[in-house]
Amino acid sequence: MGLFQHLVVPVATEEDAHATCAALQPYLDDIERVTAVHVIEKGGGAPDKAPLEKRREDASDFLAIVDSTLSESVAVDTRTMFATDIVSALFTAAADAGADAIALRARGGSRIMRMLTGDITTNLVTEPEIPVISLPYHEANNGESNPK
């Protein structure tokens, strides 16, 4: 990853924060800055999935994991965004931060689940505004590769 000095890294959950950091660790020597982003998805007129304050607290917790895990090796910025379109929000975050690329860990799940929830990974790589890097998929707790 020597071509990229500043990466935007999406973080969805606590487990995802740990797993993404673990997947990113081997590449940190070539990176100067990481901007970790958690997007709180807004319903666009539909009821929100959880109270806003709880979602903000969760976002803060997820991003704190990235900061505490990576900050000894690389400069870390964190951002919480609110959007109805997560993919668009990530590209906006990357542009605002001046990032070279978005690095993400594909989160797995069945094809049906991805179809029902919208496959963010596919949408990110279909028409990217900047390079999108797929990090190796490993389970957060035991390091085994995803069998899918």
Foldseek 3Di string as FASTA:
>chain_A
DLVWAEAEEEAEAQQQLLQFLVLCVVPLVNYAEYEYEYEQADPPPDDGPDDPVVVVVRQVVSQVSNCVSCVVRHHYHYYYHYYNQPLVVSLVVCVVVVGQEYEYEQDDDDPVVCVVVPPSVCVCPVDHPHHYHYGAGARSPPRDHDPD
